[in-house]
C-alpha atoms as a PDB file:
ATOM      1  CA  MET A   1       7.586   3.038  34.016  1.00  0.00           C
ATOM      2  CA  GLY A   2       6.226   0.764  36.691  1.00  0.00           C
ATOM      3  CA  VAL A   3       3.396  -0.820  34.724  1.00  0.00           C
ATOM      4  CA  ALA A   4       2.963  -4.542  35.278  1.00  0.00           C
ATOM      5  CA  THR A   5       3.717  -6.828  32.356  1.00  0.00           C
ATOM      6  CA  MET A   6       0.499  -8.028  30.770  1.00  0.00           C
ATOM      7  CA  ASN A   7      -0.814 -10.238  28.025  1.00  0.00           C
ATOM      8  CA  GLU A   8      -4.507  -9.831  27.397  1.00  0.00           C
ATOM      9  CA  ASN A   9      -7.011  -9.395  24.588  1.00  0.00           C
ATOM     10  CA  GLN A  10      -9.818  -6.849  24.466  1.00  0.00           C
ATOM     11  CA  VAL A  11     -12.474  -5.705  22.032  1.00  0.00           C
ATOM     12  CA  VAL A  12     -12.906  -1.944  21.814  1.00  0.00           C
ATOM     13  CA  SER A  13     -15.903  -0.240  20.239  1.00  0.00           C
ATOM     14  CA  THR A  14     -14.821   2.502  17.804  1.00  0.00           C
ATOM     15  CA  SER A  15     -16.305   4.572  14.999  1.00  0.00           C
ATOM     16  CA  VAL A  16     -14.908   2.092  12.441  1.00  0.00           C
ATOM     17  CA  GLY A  17     -16.100  -1.067  14.182  1.00  0.00           C
ATOM     18  CA  GLN A  18     -15.387  -3.385  17.072  1.00  0.00           C
ATOM     19  CA  LEU A  19     -11.593  -3.620  17.008  1.00  0.00           C
ATOM     20  CA  SER A  20      -9.632  -6.502  18.486  1.00  0.00           C
ATOM     21  CA  VAL A  21      -6.766  -5.274  20.644  1.00  0.00           C
ATOM     22  CA  ARG A  22      -3.956  -7.240  22.257  1.00  0.00           C
ATOM     23  CA  LEU A  23      -1.886  -5.836  25.128  1.00  0.00           C
ATOM     24  CA  LEU A  24       1.593  -7.143  25.855  1.00  0.00           C
ATOM     25  CA  GLY A  25       4.647  -6.123  27.806  1.00  0.00           C
ATOM     26  CA  SER A  26       5.209  -3.106  30.023  1.00  0.00           C
ATOM     27  CA  GLY A  27       6.651   0.370  29.911  1.00  0.00           C
ATOM     28  CA  HIS A  28       5.854   3.281  27.637  1.00  0.00           C
ATOM     29  CA  PRO A  29       2.987   2.453  25.245  1.00  0.00           C
ATOM     30  CA  ALA A  30       3.634   1.665  21.595  1.00  0.00           C
ATOM     31  CA  VAL A  31       0.868   0.996  19.077  1.00  0.00           C
ATOM     32  CA  LEU A  32       1.275  -1.617  16.319  1.00  0.00           C
ATOM     33  CA  TRP A  33      -1.059  -1.527  13.289  1.00  0.00           C
ATOM     34  CA  HIS A  34      -0.617  -4.109  10.524  1.00  0.00           C
ATOM     35  CA  SER A  35      -0.738  -4.075   6.711  1.00  0.00           C
ATOM     36  CA  LEU A  36      -3.807  -4.480   4.542  1.00  0.00           C
ATOM     37  CA  PHE A  37      -4.673  -8.148   3.730  1.00  0.00           C
ATOM     38  CA  VAL A  38      -3.042  -9.590   6.867  1.00  0.00           C
ATOM     39  CA  ASP A  39      -3.910  -9.238  10.544  1.00  0.00           C
ATOM     40  CA  GLU A  40      -2.166  -8.888  13.906  1.00  0.00           C
ATOM     41  CA  ARG A  41      -0.437 -12.250  13.405  1.00  0.00           C
ATOM     42  CA  SER A  42       1.944 -10.580  10.967  1.00  0.00           C
ATOM     43  CA  TRP A  43       3.643  -8.970  14.005  1.00  0.00           C
ATOM     44  CA  GLY A  44       4.174 -12.308  15.759  1.00  0.00           C
ATOM     45  CA  ARG A  45       7.847 -12.677  14.949  1.00  0.00           C
ATOM     46  CA  MET A  46       8.717  -9.152  16.156  1.00  0.00           C
ATOM     47  CA  VAL A  47       6.553  -8.955  19.270  1.00  0.00           C
ATOM     48  CA  PRO A  48       8.943 -10.867  21.590  1.00  0.00           C
ATOM     49  CA  GLU A  49      11.692  -8.357  20.808  1.00  0.00           C
ATOM     50  CA  LEU A  50       9.544  -5.244  21.117  1.00  0.00           C
ATOM     51  CA  GLN A  51       7.548  -6.169  24.220  1.00  0.00           C
ATOM     52  CA  ALA A  52      10.725  -6.279  26.268  1.00  0.00           C
ATOM     53  CA  HIS A  53      11.003  -2.528  25.718  1.00  0.00           C
ATOM     54  CA  ARG A  54       7.451  -1.204  25.441  1.00  0.00           C
ATOM     55  CA  ARG A  55       3.871  -1.876  26.470  1.00  0.00           C
ATOM     56  CA  LEU A  56       2.475  -2.969  23.104  1.00  0.00           C
ATOM     57  CA  VAL A  57      -1.039  -2.110  21.984  1.00  0.00           C
ATOM     58  CA  VAL A  58      -1.540  -4.358  18.941  1.00  0.00           C
ATOM     59  CA  ILE A  59      -4.615  -3.199  17.029  1.00  0.00           C
ATOM     60  CA  THR A  60      -6.327  -5.324  14.396  1.00  0.00           C
ATOM     61  CA  GLY A  61      -7.690  -2.906  11.819  1.00  0.00           C
ATOM     62  CA  PRO A  62     -11.322  -2.878  10.657  1.00  0.00           C
ATOM     63  CA  GLY A  63     -12.321  -5.700   8.333  1.00  0.00           C
ATOM     64  CA  HIS A  64      -9.404  -7.907   9.358  1.00  0.00           C
ATOM     65  CA  GLY A  65      -9.038 -10.810  11.766  1.00  0.00           C
ATOM     66  CA  ASP A  66     -11.669 -10.667  14.501  1.00  0.00           C
ATOM     67  CA  SER A  67     -12.360  -6.946  14.020  1.00  0.00           C
ATOM     68  CA  THR A  68     -15.598  -5.811  12.425  1.00  0.00           C
ATOM     69  CA  ASP A  69     -16.112  -2.690  10.302  1.00  0.00           C
ATOM     70  CA  PRO A  70     -18.694   0.133  10.281  1.00  0.00           C
ATOM     71  CA  GLY A  71     -20.710  -1.315   7.392  1.00  0.00           C
ATOM     72  CA  ARG A  72     -19.800   1.642   5.160  1.00  0.00           C
ATOM     73  CA  ARG A  73     -16.764   3.168   3.506  1.00  0.00           C
ATOM     74  CA  TYR A  74     -14.242   4.715   5.895  1.00  0.00           C
ATOM     75  CA  SER A  75     -10.929   6.538   5.661  1.00  0.00           C
ATOM     76  CA  ASN A  76      -7.445   6.408   7.122  1.00  0.00           C
ATOM     77  CA  GLU A  77      -8.330   9.619   8.966  1.00  0.00           C
ATOM     78  CA  GLU A  78     -11.156   7.736  10.657  1.00  0.00           C
ATOM     79  CA  CYS A  79      -8.788   4.864  11.437  1.00  0.00           C
ATOM     80  CA  ALA A  80      -6.429   7.319  13.127  1.00  0.00           C
ATOM     81  CA  GLU A  81      -9.304   8.641  15.227  1.00  0.00           C
ATOM     82  CA  ALA A  82     -10.300   5.054  16.033  1.00  0.00           C
ATOM     83  CA  ALA A  83      -6.774   4.450  17.334  1.00  0.00           C
ATOM     84  CA  VAL A  84      -7.265   7.414  19.672  1.00  0.00           C
ATOM     85  CA  GLU A  85     -10.578   5.892  20.751  1.00  0.00           C
ATOM     86  CA  VAL A  86      -8.763   2.653  21.576  1.00  0.00           C
ATOM     87  CA  LEU A  87      -6.152   4.505  23.620  1.00  0.00           C
ATOM     88  CA  ASP A  88      -8.845   6.446  25.463  1.00  0.00           C
ATOM     89  CA  ALA A  89     -10.725   3.230  26.250  1.00  0.00           C
ATOM     90  CA  LEU A  90      -7.507   1.743  27.661  1.00  0.00           C
ATOM     91  CA  GLY A  91      -6.804   4.816  29.768  1.00  0.00           C
ATOM     92  CA  ILE A  92      -3.606   5.630  27.847  1.00  0.00           C
ATOM     93  CA  GLU A  93      -3.277   9.409  27.845  1.00  0.00           C
ATOM     94  CA  GLU A  94       0.419   9.947  27.104  1.00  0.00           C
ATOM     95  CA  PRO A  95       1.599  10.154  23.484  1.00  0.00           C
ATOM     96  CA  VAL A  96       2.546   6.752  22.069  1.00  0.00           C
ATOM     97  CA  ASP A  97       5.339   5.386  19.919  1.00  0.00           C
ATOM     98  CA  TRP A  98       3.569   4.340  16.704  1.00  0.00           C
ATOM     99  CA  VAL A  99       4.757   1.412  14.566  1.00  0.00           C
ATOM    100  CA  GLY A 100       2.774   0.757  11.392  1.00  0.00           C
ATOM    101  CA  ASN A 101       3.303  -1.598   8.468  1.00  0.00           C
ATOM    102  CA  ALA A 102       2.047  -0.346   5.076  1.00  0.00           C
ATOM    103  CA  TRP A 103      -1.610   0.515   5.911  1.00  0.00           C
ATOM    104  CA  GLY A 104      -0.541   0.903   9.539  1.00  0.00           C
ATOM    105  CA  GLY A 105       2.067   3.420   8.398  1.00  0.00           C
ATOM    106  CA  HIS A 106      -0.592   5.402   6.537  1.00  0.00           C
ATOM    107  CA  VAL A 107      -2.700   5.533   9.694  1.00  0.00           C
ATOM    108  CA  GLY A 108       0.365   6.485  11.718  1.00  0.00           C
ATOM    109  CA  ILE A 109       1.396   9.320   9.397  1.00  0.00           C
ATOM    110  CA  THR A 110      -2.155  10.657   9.554  1.00  0.00           C
ATOM    111  CA  LEU A 111      -2.259  10.420  13.349  1.00  0.00           C
ATOM    112  CA  ALA A 112       1.165  12.028  13.775  1.00  0.00           C
ATOM    113  CA  ALA A 113       0.243  14.900  11.454  1.00  0.00           C
ATOM    114  CA  THR A 114      -3.231  15.589  12.840  1.00  0.00           C
ATOM    115  CA  ARG A 115      -2.924  14.551  16.496  1.00  0.00           C
ATOM    116  CA  PRO A 116       0.694  15.213  17.521  1.00  0.00           C
ATOM    117  CA  ASP A 117      -0.451  15.280  21.139  1.00  0.00           C
ATOM    118  CA  ARG A 118      -1.103  11.505  20.913  1.00  0.00           C
ATOM    119  CA  CYS A 119       2.010  10.436  18.988  1.00  0.00           C
ATOM    120  CA  ARG A 120       5.537  11.046  20.280  1.00  0.00           C
ATOM    121  CA  SER A 121       7.397   9.042  17.599  1.00  0.00           C
ATOM    122  CA  LEU A 122       6.558   7.383  14.307  1.00  0.00           C
ATOM    123  CA  VAL A 123       7.865   4.232  12.624  1.00  0.00           C
ATOM    124  CA  ALA A 124       6.482   3.531   9.139  1.00  0.00           C
ATOM    125  CA  LEU A 125       7.475   0.152   7.696  1.00  0.00           C
ATOM    126  CA  GLY A 126       7.019  -0.464   3.975  1.00  0.00           C
ATOM    127  CA  THR A 127       4.618   2.460   3.646  1.00  0.00           C
ATOM    128  CA  PRO A 128       4.280   4.077   0.198  1.00  0.00           C
ATOM    129  CA  VAL A 129       3.430   7.745   0.629  1.00  0.00           C
ATOM    130  CA  ALA A 130       2.037   8.322  -2.868  1.00  0.00           C
ATOM    131  CA  ALA A 131      -1.448   7.170  -3.839  1.00  0.00           C
ATOM    132  CA  LEU A 132      -1.728   4.083  -6.031  1.00  0.00           C
ATOM    133  CA  THR A 133      -0.471   4.477  -9.593  1.00  0.00           C
ATOM    134  CA  PRO A 134      -2.965   3.862 -12.432  1.00  0.00           C
ATOM    135  CA  GLN A 135      -1.341   0.468 -13.028  1.00  0.00           C
ATOM    136  CA  GLU A 136      -1.584  -0.477  -9.346  1.00  0.00           C
ATOM    137  CA  ARG A 137      -5.176   0.746  -9.219  1.00  0.00           C
ATOM    138  CA  THR A 138      -6.173  -1.310 -12.271  1.00  0.00           C
ATOM    139  CA  ARG A 139      -4.524  -4.452 -10.910  1.00  0.00           C
ATOM    140  CA  THR A 140      -6.173  -3.980  -7.524  1.00  0.00           C
ATOM    141  CA  TRP A 141      -9.629  -3.451  -9.041  1.00  0.00           C
ATOM    142  CA  LEU A 142      -9.187  -6.602 -11.142  1.00  0.00           C
ATOM    143  CA  LEU A 143      -8.228  -8.752  -8.161  1.00  0.00           C
ATOM    144  CA  LEU A 144     -10.947  -7.182  -6.037  1.00  0.00           C
ATOM    145  CA  GLY A 145     -13.565  -7.910  -8.693  1.00  0.00           C
ATOM    146  CA  VAL A 146     -12.583 -11.572  -8.854  1.00  0.00           C
ATOM    147  CA  TYR A 147     -12.429 -11.793  -5.057  1.00  0.00           C
ATOM    148  CA  SER A 148     -15.856 -10.178  -4.612  1.00  0.00           C
ATOM    149  CA  LEU A 149     -17.438 -12.612  -7.075  1.00  0.00           C
ATOM    150  CA  LEU A 150     -15.557 -15.840  -6.413  1.00  0.00           C
ATOM    151  CA  GLY A 151     -13.768 -15.415  -3.096  1.00  0.00           C
ATOM    152  CA  PRO A 152     -10.104 -16.239  -2.402  1.00  0.00           C
ATOM    153  CA  THR A 153      -9.342 -18.068  -5.642  1.00  0.00           C
ATOM    154  CA  THR A 154      -5.827 -19.197  -6.492  1.00  0.00           C
ATOM    155  CA  MET A 155      -5.479 -16.198  -8.806  1.00  0.00           C
ATOM    156  CA  VAL A 156      -6.382 -13.764  -6.043  1.00  0.00           C
ATOM    157  CA  VAL A 157      -4.343 -15.392  -3.283  1.00  0.00           C
ATOM    158  CA  ASP A 158      -1.245 -15.823  -5.428  1.00  0.00           C
ATOM    159  CA  GLY A 159      -1.597 -12.275  -6.735  1.00  0.00           C
ATOM    160  CA  VAL A 160      -1.618 -10.834  -3.212  1.00  0.00           C
ATOM    161  CA  ILE A 161       1.203 -13.090  -2.023  1.00  0.00           C
ATOM    162  CA  ASN A 162       3.367 -12.167  -5.014  1.00  0.00           C
ATOM    163  CA  THR A 163       2.824  -8.482  -4.249  1.00  0.00           C
ATOM    164  CA  LEU A 164       3.283  -8.520  -0.481  1.00  0.00           C
ATOM    165  CA  LEU A 165       6.193 -10.963  -0.225  1.00  0.00           C
ATOM    166  CA  SER A 166       9.556 -10.854  -1.951  1.00  0.00           C
ATOM    167  CA  GLU A 167      10.768 -13.644  -4.203  1.00  0.00           C
ATOM    168  CA  HIS A 168      13.291 -14.581  -1.510  1.00  0.00           C
ATOM    169  CA  THR A 169      10.540 -14.938   1.098  1.00  0.00           C
ATOM    170  CA  ARG A 170       8.314 -16.924  -1.239  1.00  0.00           C
ATOM    171  CA  SER A 171      11.180 -19.314  -1.972  1.00  0.00           C
ATOM    172  CA  HIS A 172      12.689 -19.680   1.500  1.00  0.00           C
ATOM    173  CA  ASP A 173       9.977 -18.978   4.086  1.00  0.00           C
ATOM    174  CA  PRO A 174       6.933 -21.223   3.653  1.00  0.00           C
ATOM    175  CA  GLU A 175       5.590 -20.225   7.087  1.00  0.00           C
ATOM    176  CA  ALA A 176       5.349 -16.583   6.000  1.00  0.00           C
ATOM    177  CA  VAL A 177       3.636 -17.569   2.762  1.00  0.00           C
ATOM    178  CA  GLU A 178       1.187 -19.758   4.668  1.00  0.00           C
ATOM    179  CA  LEU A 179       0.354 -16.977   7.134  1.00  0.00           C
ATOM    180  CA  VAL A 180      -0.598 -14.581   4.316  1.00  0.00           C
ATOM    181  CA  ARG A 181      -2.571 -17.342   2.616  1.00  0.00           C
ATOM    182  CA  GLU A 182      -4.397 -18.178   5.849  1.00  0.00           C
ATOM    183  CA  CYS A 183      -5.310 -14.529   6.430  1.00  0.00           C
ATOM    184  CA  LEU A 184      -6.847 -14.329   2.956  1.00  0.00           C
ATOM    185  CA  LEU A 185      -8.673 -17.653   3.161  1.00  0.00           C
ATOM    186  CA  THR A 186     -10.261 -16.893   6.542  1.00  0.00           C
ATOM    187  CA  ALA A 187     -11.091 -13.208   5.991  1.00  0.00           C
ATOM    188  CA  ASN A 188     -14.663 -11.981   5.884  1.00  0.00           C
ATOM    189  CA  ARG A 189     -15.114 -11.323   2.144  1.00  0.00           C
ATOM    190  CA  ARG A 190     -17.353  -8.273   2.442  1.00  0.00           C
ATOM    191  CA  ARG A 191     -15.296  -6.610   5.156  1.00  0.00           C
ATOM    192  CA  LEU A 192     -11.953  -7.190   3.430  1.00  0.00           C
ATOM    193  CA  SER A 193     -13.333  -5.896   0.115  1.00  0.00           C
ATOM    194  CA  ASN A 194     -14.606  -2.816   1.917  1.00  0.00           C
ATOM    195  CA  ALA A 195     -11.194  -2.264   3.498  1.00  0.00           C
ATOM    196  CA  VAL A 196      -9.410  -2.477   0.134  1.00  0.00           C
ATOM    197  CA  VAL A 197     -11.715   0.153  -1.386  1.00  0.00           C
ATOM    198  CA  SER A 198     -11.793   2.373   1.708  1.00  0.00           C
ATOM    199  CA  VAL A 199      -8.131   2.614   2.654  1.00  0.00           C
ATOM    200  CA  SER A 200      -6.259   1.585  -0.485  1.00  0.00           C
ATOM    201  CA  LEU A 201      -8.185   2.484  -3.631  1.00  0.00           C
ATOM    202  CA  ARG A 202      -9.503   5.664  -2.009  1.00  0.00           C
ATOM    203  CA  ARG A 203      -6.251   6.563  -0.275  1.00  0.00           C
ATOM    204  CA  SER A 204      -4.954  10.017  -1.140  1.00  0.00           C
ATOM    205  CA  ASP A 205      -1.341  11.080  -1.569  1.00  0.00           C
ATOM    206  CA  LEU A 206       0.177  11.655   1.875  1.00  0.00           C
ATOM    207  CA  ALA A 207       3.155  13.747   0.736  1.00  0.00           C
ATOM    208  CA  GLY A 208       1.490  16.896   2.018  1.00  0.00           C
ATOM    209  CA  GLU A 209       1.395  15.465   5.529  1.00  0.00           C
ATOM    210  CA  LEU A 210       5.163  14.963   5.679  1.00  0.00           C
ATOM    211  CA  ASP A 211       5.869  18.644   6.302  1.00  0.00           C
ATOM    212  CA  ARG A 212       3.541  18.513   9.310  1.00  0.00           C
ATOM    213  CA  LEU A 213       5.436  15.757  11.099  1.00  0.00           C
ATOM    214  CA  THR A 214       7.277  17.070  14.144  1.00  0.00           C
ATOM    215  CA  GLN A 215       7.947  13.730  15.844  1.00  0.00           C
ATOM    216  CA  PRO A 216      11.169  11.748  15.496  1.00  0.00           C
ATOM    217  CA  THR A 217      10.456   9.424  12.585  1.00  0.00           C
ATOM    218  CA  LEU A 218      11.893   6.201  11.213  1.00  0.00           C
ATOM    219  CA  ILE A 219      11.048   5.278   7.625  1.00  0.00           C
ATOM    220  CA  VAL A 220      11.903   1.681   6.699  1.00  0.00           C
ATOM    221  CA  THR A 221      11.455   0.005   3.361  1.00  0.00           C
ATOM    222  CA  ALA A 222      12.715  -3.183   1.758  1.00  0.00           C
ATOM    223  CA  ALA A 223      15.118  -3.630  -1.108  1.00  0.00           C
ATOM    224  CA  ASP A 224      12.465  -5.550  -3.084  1.00  0.00           C
ATOM    225  CA  HIS A 225       9.513  -3.261  -2.359  1.00  0.00           C
ATOM    226  CA  ALA A 226       8.398  -2.244  -5.865  1.00  0.00           C
ATOM    227  CA  GLY A 227       5.780   0.142  -4.497  1.00  0.00           C
ATOM    228  CA  PHE A 228       8.169   2.026  -2.198  1.00  0.00           C
ATOM    229  CA  THR A 229      11.762   1.698  -3.316  1.00  0.00           C
ATOM    230  CA  PRO A 230      14.806   2.628  -1.218  1.00  0.00           C
ATOM    231  CA  ASP A 231      15.261   5.770  -3.334  1.00  0.00           C
ATOM    232  CA  GLN A 232      11.655   6.754  -2.696  1.00  0.00           C
ATOM    233  CA  ALA A 233      12.104   6.138   1.029  1.00  0.00           C
ATOM    234  CA  ARG A 234      15.198   8.347   1.113  1.00  0.00           C
ATOM    235  CA  ALA A 235      13.289  11.096  -0.715  1.00  0.00           C
ATOM    236  CA  VAL A 236      10.526  10.881   1.906  1.00  0.00           C
ATOM    237  CA  GLY A 237      13.131  11.003   4.662  1.00  0.00           C
ATOM    238  CA  ARG A 238      14.456  14.276   3.313  1.00  0.00           C
ATOM    239  CA  ARG A 239      10.967  15.794   3.617  1.00  0.00           C
ATOM    240  CA  VAL A 240      10.620  14.993   7.329  1.00  0.00           C
ATOM    241  CA  ARG A 241      12.481  17.295   9.701  1.00  0.00           C
ATOM    242  CA  ASP A 242      13.661  14.639  12.204  1.00  0.00           C
ATOM    243  CA  CYS A 243      13.965  11.402  10.275  1.00  0.00           C
ATOM    244  CA  ARG A 244      16.188   8.423   9.717  1.00  0.00           C
ATOM    245  CA  VAL A 245      15.767   5.850   6.939  1.00  0.00           C
ATOM    246  CA  GLY A 246      16.434   2.116   7.086  1.00  0.00           C
ATOM    247  CA  ILE A 247      16.611  -0.457   4.292  1.00  0.00           C
ATOM    248  CA  VAL A 248      15.842  -4.163   4.797  1.00  0.00           C
ATOM    249  CA  PRO A 249      17.222  -6.728   2.334  1.00  0.00           C
ATOM    250  CA  ASP A 250      15.338  -9.702   0.836  1.00  0.00           C
ATOM    251  CA  ALA A 251      11.848  -8.413   1.688  1.00  0.00           C
ATOM    252  CA  ALA A 252       8.946  -6.483   0.171  1.00  0.00           C
ATOM    253  CA  TYR A 253       5.821  -5.043   1.873  1.00  0.00           C
ATOM    254  CA  LEU A 254       5.717  -7.152   5.039  1.00  0.00           C
ATOM    255  CA  VAL A 255       9.085  -6.485   6.654  1.00  0.00           C
ATOM    256  CA  PRO A 256       7.857  -7.408  10.185  1.00  0.00           C
ATOM    257  CA  LEU A 257       7.025 -10.873   8.860  1.00  0.00           C
ATOM    258  CA  GLU A 258       9.750 -11.308   6.245  1.00  0.00           C
ATOM    259  CA  ALA A 259      12.734  -9.865   8.138  1.00  0.00           C
ATOM    260  CA  PRO A 260      11.706  -9.618  11.787  1.00  0.00           C
ATOM    261  CA  GLN A 261      15.185  -9.607  13.337  1.00  0.00           C
ATOM    262  CA  VAL A 262      16.562  -6.878  11.077  1.00  0.00           C
ATOM    263  CA  THR A 263      13.392  -4.814  11.354  1.00  0.00           C
ATOM    264  CA  ALA A 264      13.161  -5.158  15.139  1.00  0.00           C
ATOM    265  CA  SER A 265      16.826  -4.192  15.449  1.00  0.00           C
ATOM    266  CA  GLN A 266      16.210  -0.979  13.508  1.00  0.00           C
ATOM    267  CA  VAL A 267      13.139  -0.120  15.567  1.00  0.00           C
ATOM    268  CA  LEU A 268      14.881  -0.800  18.880  1.00  0.00           C
ATOM    269  CA  GLU A 269      17.930   1.214  17.854  1.00  0.00           C
ATOM    270  CA  PHE A 270      15.598   4.095  16.975  1.00  0.00           C
ATOM    271  CA  TRP A 271      13.757   3.798  20.296  1.00  0.00           C
ATOM    272  CA  ASP A 272      17.020   3.586  22.234  1.00  0.00           C
ATOM    273  CA  ALA A 273      18.281   6.782  20.612  1.00  0.00           C
ATOM    274  CA  LEU A 274      15.004   8.501  21.496  1.00  0.00           C
ATOM    275  CA  ASP A 275      15.176   7.340  25.102  1.00  0.00           C
ATOM    276  CA  GLN A 276      18.757   8.543  25.435  1.00  0.00           C
ATOM    277  CA  ARG A 277      17.869  11.892  23.907  1.00  0.00           C
ATOM    278  CA  ARG A 278      14.995  12.375  26.367  1.00  0.00           C
ATOM    279  CA  GLU A 279      17.114  11.379  29.352  1.00  0.00           C
ATOM    280  CA  ALA A 280      19.762  13.917  28.334  1.00  0.00           C
ATOM    281  CA  ALA A 281      17.212  16.719  27.867  1.00  0.00           C
END
């Protein structure tokens, strides 16, 4: 498409807050939505690869980075509607290629299932479909309680880092570790706490939405993702009618940050196959 290459930042008013949005590249629009606990910077290593093929709409979710929140609890369904509000504000009417990491994958699955007119393909990276287990819920409440009272203590920061990043990343990629640490240290405490309760602790099981997905879908998880193992990803892939599954080694939740080259390669291969299929139709 003949859209000029751009690189600009905007703030868009939505029902879940004032969301920071970055626009890059040209071509068909693709939306990127990051994981809980980090912000749009977690896409930084993949963006140069992806923006050569798509016009990227990089949304910073409520309560993260420079985005505000609505001052109340909110849901992933509301986040999906907020993404539509962002697209409407930008004048993007055609269905987008969605790429979401963890939380961003939850929002993407919801959008694809409920608003198929706005989503032509779905990529979910490191996105557990099931709700939190009792053990995960207890651990999250414990860390959240300490964080709410004392802020980003060493216990809290290390606990999040040890969950989001694989042992390999923690040992060999200090820049990735520092990025996650920086996101936690600079976050607005009230807004981040609200996000954890709203979209993680209150998140429902999304398995029922899988049967509603009609878009071509790519499910990617990492070999060291304890919350969404390769076997679980393959089981999800079998539930979706038009789906491929990719596995990334030496990573956990944050595959765009931990393994950007491998992850970008899988996304671009998926997009290329879609483009070829559409040209042949």
